[in-house]
Amino acid sequence: MDARADRRRYPRRVRVWSGQVRVGGIAVDCAVSNESVEGLKLITETGILLRGETFVHLPDGTTRRCLVRWQRLNEVGVRLLD
């Protein structure tokens, strides 16, 4: 088992959703690769830098306010704020 998985408070569920994330006032396409009770893992285009609070628009029409917790190349972990 992955050592990081042992530290997680909530289990992750694999998801394959398309969505959009706000970057400097514009919406950029992304994919949601997994979710937990508190957050999402997003896959974005390489070179897009996300910081602080952002918004993720999901295919069901909802918009979620998020806080960027980490970013590695095109993978971004966000914590859901509402």
C-alpha atoms as a PDB file:
ATOM      1  CA  MET A   1       0.000   0.000   0.000  1.00  0.00           C
ATOM      2  CA  ASP A   2       1.214   3.507  -0.797  1.00  0.00           C
ATOM      3  CA  ALA A   3       2.596   5.331   2.270  1.00  0.00           C
ATOM      4  CA  ARG A   4       0.618   8.479   1.369  1.00  0.00           C
ATOM      5  CA  ALA A   5      -2.646   6.514   1.344  1.00  0.00           C
ATOM      6  CA  ASP A   6      -2.112   5.646   5.010  1.00  0.00           C
ATOM      7  CA  ARG A   7      -2.081   9.355   5.956  1.00  0.00           C
ATOM      8  CA  ARG A   8      -5.264  10.265   4.103  1.00  0.00           C
ATOM      9  CA  ARG A   9      -8.264  11.176   6.235  1.00  0.00           C
ATOM     10  CA  TYR A  10     -10.785  10.172   3.568  1.00  0.00           C
ATOM     11  CA  PRO A  11     -10.659   7.526   0.830  1.00  0.00           C
ATOM     12  CA  ARG A  12     -10.312   8.634  -2.809  1.00  0.00           C
ATOM     13  CA  ARG A  13     -12.779   7.559  -5.478  1.00  0.00           C
ATOM     14  CA  VAL A  14     -11.587   7.359  -9.062  1.00  0.00           C
ATOM     15  CA  ARG A  15     -13.518   9.715 -11.323  1.00  0.00           C
ATOM     16  CA  VAL A  16     -13.239  10.686 -14.951  1.00  0.00           C
ATOM     17  CA  TRP A  17     -15.072  13.964 -15.383  1.00  0.00           C
ATOM     18  CA  SER A  18     -14.359  16.879 -17.604  1.00  0.00           C
ATOM     19  CA  GLY A  19     -14.632  20.326 -16.114  1.00  0.00           C
ATOM     20  CA  GLN A  20     -13.160  23.775 -16.157  1.00  0.00           C
ATOM     21  CA  VAL A  21     -10.993  25.597 -13.673  1.00  0.00           C
ATOM     22  CA  ARG A  22     -10.673  29.390 -13.422  1.00  0.00           C
ATOM     23  CA  VAL A  23      -7.189  30.720 -14.129  1.00  0.00           C
ATOM     24  CA  GLY A  24      -6.777  34.490 -13.978  1.00  0.00           C
ATOM     25  CA  GLY A  25     -10.349  35.196 -15.034  1.00  0.00           C
ATOM     26  CA  ILE A  26     -10.557  32.638 -17.851  1.00  0.00           C
ATOM     27  CA  ALA A  27     -11.919  29.090 -17.799  1.00  0.00           C
ATOM     28  CA  VAL A  28      -9.438  26.349 -18.728  1.00  0.00           C
ATOM     29  CA  ASP A  29     -10.485  22.765 -19.477  1.00  0.00           C
ATOM     30  CA  CYS A  30      -9.428  20.150 -16.955  1.00  0.00           C
ATOM     31  CA  ALA A  31     -10.248  16.598 -15.936  1.00  0.00           C
ATOM     32  CA  VAL A  32     -11.172  15.427 -12.461  1.00  0.00           C
ATOM     33  CA  SER A  33      -9.297  12.174 -11.868  1.00  0.00           C
ATOM     34  CA  ASN A  34     -10.374  11.469  -8.292  1.00  0.00           C
ATOM     35  CA  GLU A  35     -12.399  12.917  -5.453  1.00  0.00           C
ATOM     36  CA  SER A  36     -12.739  12.643  -1.708  1.00  0.00           C
ATOM     37  CA  VAL A  37     -15.095  14.228   0.787  1.00  0.00           C
ATOM     38  CA  GLU A  38     -12.828  17.292   1.025  1.00  0.00           C
ATOM     39  CA  GLY A  39     -11.117  17.596  -2.340  1.00  0.00           C
ATOM     40  CA  LEU A  40     -10.435  16.838  -5.975  1.00  0.00           C
ATOM     41  CA  LYS A  41      -7.425  15.927  -8.074  1.00  0.00           C
ATOM     42  CA  LEU A  42      -7.412  17.847 -11.335  1.00  0.00           C
ATOM     43  CA  ILE A  43      -5.434  17.244 -14.512  1.00  0.00           C
ATOM     44  CA  THR A  44      -4.732  20.451 -16.436  1.00  0.00           C
ATOM     45  CA  GLU A  45      -2.639  21.481 -19.394  1.00  0.00           C
ATOM     46  CA  THR A  46       1.066  21.500 -18.611  1.00  0.00           C
ATOM     47  CA  GLY A  47       2.341  24.975 -17.802  1.00  0.00           C
ATOM     48  CA  ILE A  48      -0.827  26.300 -16.188  1.00  0.00           C
ATOM     49  CA  LEU A  49      -0.077  27.584 -12.700  1.00  0.00           C
ATOM     50  CA  LEU A  50      -2.868  27.636 -10.121  1.00  0.00           C
ATOM     51  CA  ARG A  51      -2.535  29.369  -6.746  1.00  0.00           C
ATOM     52  CA  GLY A  52      -4.773  30.281  -3.853  1.00  0.00           C
ATOM     53  CA  GLU A  53      -8.531  30.127  -4.286  1.00  0.00           C
ATOM     54  CA  THR A  54     -10.049  29.097  -7.597  1.00  0.00           C
ATOM     55  CA  PHE A  55     -13.341  27.792  -8.952  1.00  0.00           C
ATOM     56  CA  VAL A  56     -13.988  24.437 -10.619  1.00  0.00           C
ATOM     57  CA  HIS A  57     -17.003  24.098 -12.930  1.00  0.00           C
ATOM     58  CA  LEU A  58     -18.273  20.505 -13.077  1.00  0.00           C
ATOM     59  CA  PRO A  59     -20.326  18.832 -15.832  1.00  0.00           C
ATOM     60  CA  ASP A  60     -23.433  18.616 -13.619  1.00  0.00           C
ATOM     61  CA  GLY A  61     -23.596  22.426 -13.719  1.00  0.00           C
ATOM     62  CA  THR A  62     -22.220  23.050 -10.231  1.00  0.00           C
ATOM     63  CA  THR A  63     -19.371  25.400  -9.462  1.00  0.00           C
ATOM     64  CA  ARG A  64     -17.173  24.635  -6.466  1.00  0.00           C
ATOM     65  CA  ARG A  65     -14.905  27.113  -4.703  1.00  0.00           C
ATOM     66  CA  CYS A  66     -11.530  25.488  -3.995  1.00  0.00           C
ATOM     67  CA  LEU A  67      -8.157  26.133  -2.426  1.00  0.00           C
ATOM     68  CA  VAL A  68      -5.099  24.858  -4.276  1.00  0.00           C
ATOM     69  CA  ARG A  69      -3.161  22.595  -1.877  1.00  0.00           C
ATOM     70  CA  TRP A  70      -0.454  21.249  -4.203  1.00  0.00           C
ATOM     71  CA  GLN A  71       0.586  21.165  -7.852  1.00  0.00           C
ATOM     72  CA  ARG A  72       3.015  18.872  -9.693  1.00  0.00           C
ATOM     73  CA  LEU A  73       3.348  19.639 -13.392  1.00  0.00           C
ATOM     74  CA  ASN A  74      -0.204  19.154 -14.720  1.00  0.00           C
ATOM     75  CA  GLU A  75      -1.698  17.523 -11.589  1.00  0.00           C
ATOM     76  CA  VAL A  76      -3.374  19.768  -9.019  1.00  0.00           C
ATOM     77  CA  GLY A  77      -4.875  18.886  -5.640  1.00  0.00           C
ATOM     78  CA  VAL A  78      -7.629  21.203  -4.440  1.00  0.00           C
ATOM     79  CA  ARG A  79      -9.570  21.345  -1.189  1.00  0.00           C
ATOM     80  CA  LEU A  80     -13.281  22.051  -1.551  1.00  0.00           C
ATOM     81  CA  LEU A  81     -14.280  25.160   0.408  1.00  0.00           C
ATOM     82  CA  ASP A  82     -18.061  25.009  -0.024  1.00  0.00           C
END
